[in-house]
PDB file of N, CA and C in Angstrom:
ATOM      1  N   UNK A   1       0.824  -1.023  -0.019  1.00  0.00           N
ATOM      2  CA  UNK A   1      -0.112  -0.169   0.050  1.00  0.00           C
ATOM      3  C   UNK A   1       0.893   1.363  -0.045  1.00  0.00           C
ATOM      4  N   UNK A   2       2.088   1.007   0.629  1.00  0.00           N
ATOM      5  CA  UNK A   2       2.894   2.280   0.885  1.00  0.00           C
ATOM      6  C   UNK A   2       3.484   2.845  -0.751  1.00  0.00           C
ATOM      7  N   UNK A   3       3.966   1.538  -1.484  1.00  0.00           N
ATOM      8  CA  UNK A   3       4.311   1.872  -2.932  1.00  0.00           C
ATOM      9  C   UNK A   3       3.288   2.440  -3.724  1.00  0.00           C
ATOM     10  N   UNK A   4       1.816   2.076  -3.484  1.00  0.00           N
ATOM     11  CA  UNK A   4       0.931   2.907  -4.388  1.00  0.00           C
ATOM     12  C   UNK A   4       0.876   4.248  -3.927  1.00  0.00           C
ATOM     13  N   UNK A   5       0.943   4.425  -2.654  1.00  0.00           N
ATOM     14  CA  UNK A   5       0.936   6.004  -2.231  1.00  0.00           C
ATOM     15  C   UNK A   5       1.862   6.567  -2.844  1.00  0.00           C
ATOM     16  N   UNK A   6       3.021   6.117  -2.861  1.00  0.00           N
ATOM     17  CA  UNK A   6       4.199   6.878  -3.237  1.00  0.00           C
ATOM     18  C   UNK A   6       4.419   7.163  -4.645  1.00  0.00           C
ATOM     19  N   UNK A   7       3.591   6.070  -5.479  1.00  0.00           N
ATOM     20  CA  UNK A   7       3.359   6.279  -7.044  1.00  0.00           C
ATOM     21  C   UNK A   7       2.312   7.390  -7.062  1.00  0.00           C
ATOM     22  N   UNK A   8       1.272   7.503  -6.469  1.00  0.00           N
ATOM     23  CA  UNK A   8       0.546   8.779  -6.319  1.00  0.00           C
ATOM     24  C   UNK A   8       0.952  10.072  -6.234  1.00  0.00           C
ATOM     25  N   UNK A   9       1.765  10.043  -5.390  1.00  0.00           N
ATOM     26  CA  UNK A   9       2.399  11.277  -4.873  1.00  0.00           C
ATOM     27  C   UNK A   9       3.508  11.756  -5.830  1.00  0.00           C
ATOM     28  N   UNK A  10       4.237  10.813  -6.628  1.00  0.00           N
ATOM     29  CA  UNK A  10       5.303  11.182  -7.433  1.00  0.00           C
ATOM     30  C   UNK A  10       4.854  10.526  -8.785  1.00  0.00           C
ATOM     31  N   UNK A  11       3.811  11.068  -9.347  1.00  0.00           N
ATOM     32  CA  UNK A  11       3.302  10.612 -10.547  1.00  0.00           C
ATOM     33  C   UNK A  11       4.235  10.979 -11.673  1.00  0.00           C
ATOM     34  N   UNK A  12       4.591  11.928 -11.741  1.00  0.00           N
ATOM     35  CA  UNK A  12       5.967  12.532 -12.917  1.00  0.00           C
ATOM     36  C   UNK A  12       6.882  11.805 -12.694  1.00  0.00           C
ATOM     37  N   UNK A  13       7.463  11.430 -11.892  1.00  0.00           N
ATOM     38  CA  UNK A  13       8.620  10.465 -11.562  1.00  0.00           C
ATOM     39  C   UNK A  13       8.361   9.085 -11.889  1.00  0.00           C
ATOM     40  N   UNK A  14       7.186   8.455 -11.517  1.00  0.00           N
ATOM     41  CA  UNK A  14       6.600   7.149 -11.899  1.00  0.00           C
ATOM     42  C   UNK A  14       6.641   7.308 -13.579  1.00  0.00           C
ATOM     43  N   UNK A  15       5.840   8.355 -14.088  1.00  0.00           N
ATOM     44  CA  UNK A  15       5.641   8.255 -15.621  1.00  0.00           C
ATOM     45  C   UNK A  15       6.915   8.333 -16.203  1.00  0.00           C
ATOM     46  N   UNK A  16       7.899   8.893 -15.941  1.00  0.00           N
ATOM     47  CA  UNK A  16       9.397   9.015 -16.443  1.00  0.00           C
ATOM     48  C   UNK A  16      10.034   7.620 -16.355  1.00  0.00           C
ATOM     49  N   UNK A  17       9.957   7.008 -15.200  1.00  0.00           N
ATOM     50  CA  UNK A  17      10.652   5.899 -15.065  1.00  0.00           C
ATOM     51  C   UNK A  17       9.767   4.846 -16.027  1.00  0.00           C
ATOM     52  N   UNK A  18       8.573   4.860 -16.156  1.00  0.00           N
ATOM     53  CA  UNK A  18       7.600   3.628 -16.931  1.00  0.00           C
ATOM     54  C   UNK A  18       8.178   4.217 -18.391  1.00  0.00           C
ATOM     55  N   UNK A  19       8.244   5.317 -18.664  1.00  0.00           N
ATOM     56  CA  UNK A  19       8.666   5.710 -20.103  1.00  0.00           C
ATOM     57  C   UNK A  19      10.056   5.008 -20.305  1.00  0.00           C
ATOM     58  N   UNK A  20      10.720   5.400 -19.491  1.00  0.00           N
ATOM     59  CA  UNK A  20      12.338   4.850 -19.553  1.00  0.00           C
ATOM     60  C   UNK A  20      12.605   3.248 -19.408  1.00  0.00           C
ATOM     61  N   UNK A  21      11.617   2.745 -19.088  1.00  0.00           N
ATOM     62  CA  UNK A  21      11.831   1.156 -19.211  1.00  0.00           C
ATOM     63  C   UNK A  21      11.115   0.367 -20.421  1.00  0.00           C
ATOM     64  N   UNK A  22      10.236   1.411 -20.934  1.00  0.00           N
ATOM     65  CA  UNK A  22       9.407   1.033 -22.307  1.00  0.00           C
ATOM     66  C   UNK A  22      10.494   1.314 -23.150  1.00  0.00           C
ATOM     67  N   UNK A  23      11.114   2.587 -23.212  1.00  0.00           N
ATOM     68  CA  UNK A  23      12.199   2.700 -24.392  1.00  0.00           C
ATOM     69  C   UNK A  23      13.441   1.527 -24.258  1.00  0.00           C
ATOM     70  N   UNK A  24      13.757   1.266 -23.094  1.00  0.00           N
ATOM     71  CA  UNK A  24      14.821   0.296 -22.778  1.00  0.00           C
ATOM     72  C   UNK A  24      14.297  -1.252 -23.292  1.00  0.00           C
ATOM     73  N   UNK A  25      13.136  -1.424 -23.262  1.00  0.00           N
ATOM     74  CA  UNK A  25      12.452  -2.701 -23.676  1.00  0.00           C
ATOM     75  C   UNK A  25      12.363  -2.674 -24.935  1.00  0.00           C
ATOM     76  N   UNK A  26      11.817  -1.598 -25.824  1.00  0.00           N
ATOM     77  CA  UNK A  26      11.962  -1.331 -27.203  1.00  0.00           C
ATOM     78  C   UNK A  26      13.158  -1.820 -27.812  1.00  0.00           C
ATOM     79  N   UNK A  27      14.100  -1.063 -26.940  1.00  0.00           N
ATOM     80  CA  UNK A  27      15.489  -1.148 -27.665  1.00  0.00           C
ATOM     81  C   UNK A  27      16.058  -2.538 -27.534  1.00  0.00           C
ATOM     82  N   UNK A  28      15.817  -3.110 -26.563  1.00  0.00           N
ATOM     83  CA  UNK A  28      16.432  -4.764 -26.471  1.00  0.00           C
ATOM     84  C   UNK A  28      15.457  -5.707 -27.304  1.00  0.00           C
ATOM     85  N   UNK A  29      14.113  -5.404 -27.662  1.00  0.00           N
ATOM     86  CA  UNK A  29      13.526  -6.263 -28.596  1.00  0.00           C
ATOM     87  C   UNK A  29      13.870  -6.091 -29.707  1.00  0.00           C
ATOM     88  N   UNK A  30      14.842  -5.569 -30.234  1.00  0.00           N
ATOM     89  CA  UNK A  30      15.311  -5.318 -31.663  1.00  0.00           C
ATOM     90  C   UNK A  30      16.100  -6.585 -31.773  1.00  0.00           C
ATOM     91  N   UNK A  31      16.974  -7.180 -30.802  1.00  0.00           N
ATOM     92  CA  UNK A  31      17.834  -7.999 -30.882  1.00  0.00           C
ATOM     93  C   UNK A  31      17.196  -9.387 -30.687  1.00  0.00           C
ATOM     94  N   UNK A  32      15.640  -9.914 -30.685  1.00  0.00           N
ATOM     95  CA  UNK A  32      15.130 -10.845 -30.376  1.00  0.00           C
ATOM     96  C   UNK A  32      15.009 -11.657 -31.588  1.00  0.00           C
ATOM     97  N   UNK A  33      14.957 -12.937 -31.639  1.00  0.00           N
ATOM     98  CA  UNK A  33      14.743 -13.807 -32.752  1.00  0.00           C
ATOM     99  C   UNK A  33      14.157 -14.815 -32.541  1.00  0.00           C
ATOM    100  N   UNK A  34      12.888 -15.145 -33.005  1.00  0.00           N
ATOM    101  CA  UNK A  34      12.078 -16.437 -32.777  1.00  0.00           C
ATOM    102  C   UNK A  34      12.747 -17.549 -33.623  1.00  0.00           C
ATOM    103  N   UNK A  35      12.990 -18.549 -33.264  1.00  0.00           N
ATOM    104  CA  UNK A  35      13.809 -19.641 -34.197  1.00  0.00           C
ATOM    105  C   UNK A  35      13.028 -20.942 -33.754  1.00  0.00           C
ATOM    106  N   UNK A  36      11.951 -21.317 -34.758  1.00  0.00           N
ATOM    107  CA  UNK A  36      11.335 -22.670 -34.843  1.00  0.00           C
ATOM    108  C   UNK A  36      11.989 -23.725 -35.166  1.00  0.00           C
ATOM    109  N   UNK A  37      12.002 -24.872 -34.582  1.00  0.00           N
ATOM    110  CA  UNK A  37      12.807 -26.267 -35.079  1.00  0.00           C
ATOM    111  C   UNK A  37      11.663 -27.165 -34.840  1.00  0.00           C
ATOM    112  N   UNK A  38      11.726 -27.869 -35.754  1.00  0.00           N
ATOM    113  CA  UNK A  38      10.269 -29.055 -35.991  1.00  0.00           C
ATOM    114  C   UNK A  38      10.793 -30.070 -34.938  1.00  0.00           C
ATOM    115  N   UNK A  39      11.938 -30.025 -34.459  1.00  0.00           N
ATOM    116  CA  UNK A  39      12.383 -31.405 -33.625  1.00  0.00           C
ATOM    117  C   UNK A  39      11.656 -30.705 -32.157  1.00  0.00           C
ATOM    118  N   UNK A  40      11.662 -29.679 -32.065  1.00  0.00           N
ATOM    119  CA  UNK A  40      10.876 -29.077 -30.615  1.00  0.00           C
ATOM    120  C   UNK A  40       9.497 -29.959 -30.571  1.00  0.00           C
ATOM    121  N   UNK A  41       8.742 -30.280 -31.338  1.00  0.00           N
ATOM    122  CA  UNK A  41       7.775 -30.948 -31.753  1.00  0.00           C
ATOM    123  C   UNK A  41       7.239 -32.185 -31.661  1.00  0.00           C
ATOM    124  N   UNK A  42       8.398 -32.712 -32.604  1.00  0.00           N
ATOM    125  CA  UNK A  42       8.021 -33.925 -33.052  1.00  0.00           C
ATOM    126  C   UNK A  42       9.043 -35.062 -32.552  1.00  0.00           C
ATOM    127  N   UNK A  43      10.173 -34.821 -31.800  1.00  0.00           N
ATOM    128  CA  UNK A  43      11.263 -35.252 -31.560  1.00  0.00           C
ATOM    129  C   UNK A  43      10.886 -36.243 -30.015  1.00  0.00           C
ATOM    130  N   UNK A  44      10.070 -36.850 -29.806  1.00  0.00           N
ATOM    131  CA  UNK A  44       9.673 -37.716 -28.645  1.00  0.00           C
ATOM    132  C   UNK A  44       9.660 -39.178 -28.899  1.00  0.00           C
ATOM    133  N   UNK A  45       9.986 -40.287 -28.168  1.00  0.00           N
ATOM    134  CA  UNK A  45       9.816 -41.476 -28.112  1.00  0.00           C
ATOM    135  C   UNK A  45       8.965 -42.351 -29.078  1.00  0.00           C
ATOM    136  N   UNK A  46       7.834 -42.148 -28.679  1.00  0.00           N
ATOM    137  CA  UNK A  46       6.397 -42.747 -29.004  1.00  0.00           C
ATOM    138  C   UNK A  46       5.866 -42.123 -30.538  1.00  0.00           C
ATOM    139  N   UNK A  47       6.538 -41.376 -31.237  1.00  0.00           N
ATOM    140  CA  UNK A  47       6.170 -40.299 -32.166  1.00  0.00           C
ATOM    141  C   UNK A  47       6.690 -41.551 -33.400  1.00  0.00           C
ATOM    142  N   UNK A  48       5.365 -41.712 -34.012  1.00  0.00           N
ATOM    143  CA  UNK A  48       5.675 -42.841 -35.240  1.00  0.00           C
ATOM    144  C   UNK A  48       5.894 -42.091 -36.682  1.00  0.00           C
ATOM    145  N   UNK A  49       6.080 -40.808 -36.648  1.00  0.00           N
ATOM    146  CA  UNK A  49       6.299 -39.939 -37.891  1.00  0.00           C
ATOM    147  C   UNK A  49       7.778 -39.598 -37.499  1.00  0.00           C
ATOM    148  N   UNK A  50       8.645 -39.709 -36.614  1.00  0.00           N
ATOM    149  CA  UNK A  50       9.944 -39.445 -36.371  1.00  0.00           C
ATOM    150  C   UNK A  50      11.034 -39.967 -37.310  1.00  0.00           C
ATOM    151  N   UNK A  51      10.687 -41.283 -37.690  1.00  0.00           N
ATOM    152  CA  UNK A  51      11.339 -41.713 -39.103  1.00  0.00           C
ATOM    153  C   UNK A  51      11.360 -40.888 -40.199  1.00  0.00           C
ATOM    154  N   UNK A  52      10.149 -40.535 -40.673  1.00  0.00           N
ATOM    155  CA  UNK A  52      10.025 -39.831 -41.835  1.00  0.00           C
ATOM    156  C   UNK A  52      10.388 -38.303 -41.752  1.00  0.00           C
ATOM    157  N   UNK A  53      10.547 -37.864 -40.310  1.00  0.00           N
ATOM    158  CA  UNK A  53      11.295 -36.346 -40.324  1.00  0.00           C
ATOM    159  C   UNK A  53      12.899 -36.645 -40.218  1.00  0.00           C
ATOM    160  N   UNK A  54      13.181 -37.714 -39.934  1.00  0.00           N
ATOM    161  CA  UNK A  54      14.575 -38.032 -39.974  1.00  0.00           C
ATOM    162  C   UNK A  54      15.010 -38.007 -41.594  1.00  0.00           C
ATOM    163  N   UNK A  55      14.279 -38.727 -42.360  1.00  0.00           N
ATOM    164  CA  UNK A  55      14.542 -38.969 -43.663  1.00  0.00           C
ATOM    165  C   UNK A  55      14.483 -37.794 -44.317  1.00  0.00           C
ATOM    166  N   UNK A  56      13.437 -36.806 -44.295  1.00  0.00           N
ATOM    167  CA  UNK A  56      13.286 -35.620 -44.711  1.00  0.00           C
ATOM    168  C   UNK A  56      14.600 -34.483 -44.480  1.00  0.00           C
ATOM    169  N   UNK A  57      14.928 -34.650 -43.200  1.00  0.00           N
ATOM    170  CA  UNK A  57      16.161 -34.081 -43.154  1.00  0.00           C
ATOM    171  C   UNK A  57      17.533 -34.272 -43.495  1.00  0.00           C
ATOM    172  N   UNK A  58      17.483 -35.546 -43.748  1.00  0.00           N
ATOM    173  CA  UNK A  58      18.774 -36.260 -44.509  1.00  0.00           C
ATOM    174  C   UNK A  58      18.412 -35.987 -45.745  1.00  0.00           C
ATOM    175  N   UNK A  59      17.590 -35.745 -46.439  1.00  0.00           N
ATOM    176  CA  UNK A  59      17.340 -35.521 -47.895  1.00  0.00           C
ATOM    177  C   UNK A  59      17.171 -34.365 -48.218  1.00  0.00           C
ATOM    178  N   UNK A  60      16.565 -33.394 -47.492  1.00  0.00           N
ATOM    179  CA  UNK A  60      16.209 -32.239 -47.984  1.00  0.00           C
ATOM    180  C   UNK A  60      16.569 -30.847 -47.009  1.00  0.00           C
ATOM    181  N   UNK A  61      17.408 -31.461 -45.995  1.00  0.00           N
ATOM    182  CA  UNK A  61      17.536 -30.494 -44.654  1.00  0.00           C
ATOM    183  C   UNK A  61      18.830 -29.609 -44.941  1.00  0.00           C
ATOM    184  N   UNK A  62      18.802 -28.560 -44.094  1.00  0.00           N
ATOM    185  CA  UNK A  62      20.323 -27.604 -44.005  1.00  0.00           C
ATOM    186  C   UNK A  62      20.685 -27.826 -42.896  1.00  0.00           C
ATOM    187  N   UNK A  63      21.804 -27.074 -42.763  1.00  0.00           N
ATOM    188  CA  UNK A  63      22.242 -27.079 -41.271  1.00  0.00           C
ATOM    189  C   UNK A  63      21.564 -26.563 -40.312  1.00  0.00           C
ATOM    190  N   UNK A  64      21.020 -25.532 -40.613  1.00  0.00           N
ATOM    191  CA  UNK A  64      19.896 -24.928 -39.605  1.00  0.00           C
ATOM    192  C   UNK A  64      18.643 -25.886 -39.313  1.00  0.00           C
ATOM    193  N   UNK A  65      18.460 -27.097 -39.851  1.00  0.00           N
ATOM    194  CA  UNK A  65      17.357 -28.017 -39.271  1.00  0.00           C
ATOM    195  C   UNK A  65      16.138 -27.735 -40.077  1.00  0.00           C
ATOM    196  N   UNK A  66      15.989 -26.747 -41.099  1.00  0.00           N
ATOM    197  CA  UNK A  66      14.938 -26.390 -41.784  1.00  0.00           C
ATOM    198  C   UNK A  66      14.812 -27.620 -42.996  1.00  0.00           C
ATOM    199  N   UNK A  67      13.321 -27.855 -43.306  1.00  0.00           N
ATOM    200  CA  UNK A  67      13.203 -28.952 -44.117  1.00  0.00           C
ATOM    201  C   UNK A  67      12.196 -28.378 -45.254  1.00  0.00           C
ATOM    202  N   UNK A  68      12.575 -28.246 -46.668  1.00  0.00           N
ATOM    203  CA  UNK A  68      11.848 -27.883 -47.642  1.00  0.00           C
ATOM    204  C   UNK A  68      11.836 -28.767 -48.372  1.00  0.00           C
ATOM    205  N   UNK A  69      10.491 -29.273 -48.909  1.00  0.00           N
ATOM    206  CA  UNK A  69      10.060 -30.218 -49.672  1.00  0.00           C
ATOM    207  C   UNK A  69       8.941 -29.610 -50.897  1.00  0.00           C
ATOM    208  N   UNK A  70       9.364 -29.949 -51.972  1.00  0.00           N
ATOM    209  CA  UNK A  70       8.619 -29.427 -53.121  1.00  0.00           C
ATOM    210  C   UNK A  70       7.807 -30.439 -53.829  1.00  0.00           C
ATOM    211  N   UNK A  71       6.760 -30.494 -53.655  1.00  0.00           N
ATOM    212  CA  UNK A  71       5.811 -31.773 -54.372  1.00  0.00           C
ATOM    213  C   UNK A  71       5.218 -31.164 -55.696  1.00  0.00           C
ATOM    214  N   UNK A  72       5.604 -31.921 -56.856  1.00  0.00           N
ATOM    215  CA  UNK A  72       5.032 -31.543 -58.107  1.00  0.00           C
ATOM    216  C   UNK A  72       3.828 -32.659 -58.390  1.00  0.00           C
ATOM    217  N   UNK A  73       2.543 -32.194 -58.601  1.00  0.00           N
ATOM    218  CA  UNK A  73       1.801 -33.053 -58.699  1.00  0.00           C
ATOM    219  C   UNK A  73       0.313 -32.605 -59.339  1.00  0.00           C
ATOM    220  N   UNK A  74      -0.354 -33.241 -60.319  1.00  0.00           N
ATOM    221  CA  UNK A  74      -1.638 -32.587 -60.503  1.00  0.00           C
ATOM    222  C   UNK A  74      -2.516 -32.058 -59.610  1.00  0.00           C
ATOM    223  N   UNK A  75      -2.564 -32.872 -58.597  1.00  0.00           N
ATOM    224  CA  UNK A  75      -3.438 -32.374 -57.413  1.00  0.00           C
ATOM    225  C   UNK A  75      -2.776 -33.089 -55.943  1.00  0.00           C
ATOM    226  N   UNK A  76      -2.196 -32.186 -55.524  1.00  0.00           N
ATOM    227  CA  UNK A  76      -1.401 -32.479 -54.112  1.00  0.00           C
ATOM    228  C   UNK A  76      -2.252 -33.157 -52.973  1.00  0.00           C
ATOM    229  N   UNK A  77      -3.592 -32.965 -53.110  1.00  0.00           N
ATOM    230  CA  UNK A  77      -4.276 -33.712 -52.379  1.00  0.00           C
ATOM    231  C   UNK A  77      -4.777 -35.010 -52.349  1.00  0.00           C
ATOM    232  N   UNK A  78      -4.191 -35.792 -53.714  1.00  0.00           N
ATOM    233  CA  UNK A  78      -4.475 -37.012 -53.945  1.00  0.00           C
ATOM    234  C   UNK A  78      -4.128 -37.978 -52.735  1.00  0.00           C
ATOM    235  N   UNK A  79      -4.788 -38.776 -52.522  1.00  0.00           N
ATOM    236  CA  UNK A  79      -4.292 -39.816 -51.298  1.00  0.00           C
ATOM    237  C   UNK A  79      -2.841 -40.255 -51.712  1.00  0.00           C
ATOM    238  N   UNK A  80      -2.372 -40.647 -52.826  1.00  0.00           N
ATOM    239  CA  UNK A  80      -0.960 -40.887 -52.940  1.00  0.00           C
ATOM    240  C   UNK A  80      -0.015 -40.136 -52.934  1.00  0.00           C
ATOM    241  N   UNK A  81      -0.405 -38.899 -53.349  1.00  0.00           N
ATOM    242  CA  UNK A  81       0.551 -37.823 -53.043  1.00  0.00           C
ATOM    243  C   UNK A  81       0.710 -37.449 -51.730  1.00  0.00           C
ATOM    244  N   UNK A  82      -0.513 -37.452 -50.656  1.00  0.00           N
ATOM    245  CA  UNK A  82      -0.631 -37.294 -49.379  1.00  0.00           C
ATOM    246  C   UNK A  82       0.422 -38.145 -48.421  1.00  0.00           C
ATOM    247  N   UNK A  83       0.235 -39.617 -48.989  1.00  0.00           N
ATOM    248  CA  UNK A  83       0.840 -40.730 -48.467  1.00  0.00           C
ATOM    249  C   UNK A  83       2.378 -40.368 -48.385  1.00  0.00           C
ATOM    250  N   UNK A  84       2.756 -39.932 -49.394  1.00  0.00           N
ATOM    251  CA  UNK A  84       4.433 -39.811 -49.998  1.00  0.00           C
ATOM    252  C   UNK A  84       4.840 -38.386 -49.107  1.00  0.00           C
ATOM    253  N   UNK A  85       4.193 -37.538 -49.170  1.00  0.00           N
ATOM    254  CA  UNK A  85       4.885 -36.355 -48.470  1.00  0.00           C
ATOM    255  C   UNK A  85       4.671 -36.175 -46.974  1.00  0.00           C
ATOM    256  N   UNK A  86       3.702 -37.311 -46.297  1.00  0.00           N
ATOM    257  CA  UNK A  86       3.546 -37.104 -45.046  1.00  0.00           C
ATOM    258  C   UNK A  86       3.182 -38.610 -44.392  1.00  0.00           C
ATOM    259  N   UNK A  87       3.822 -39.375 -44.445  1.00  0.00           N
ATOM    260  CA  UNK A  87       3.622 -41.026 -44.402  1.00  0.00           C
ATOM    261  C   UNK A  87       3.293 -41.181 -42.893  1.00  0.00           C
TER     262      UNK A  87
END
């Protein structure tokens, strides 16, 4: 309760401190990067699709762990095409 009273008495100081912390947060956020890894979601012992992911990484992967698969087909939603790309 004393802290709230202090903030109410010193509104200008509290506002300046808040603005400075927002500026510092925004400056620091410039360096944040989100890195999505397929293995974070698929690598667990009982996953039946893990061998397929390992095969795709071996065939199409890059050092960063990304997998890019291009499928050329008249209709990518045909059952045979879907079985090939997602066994």
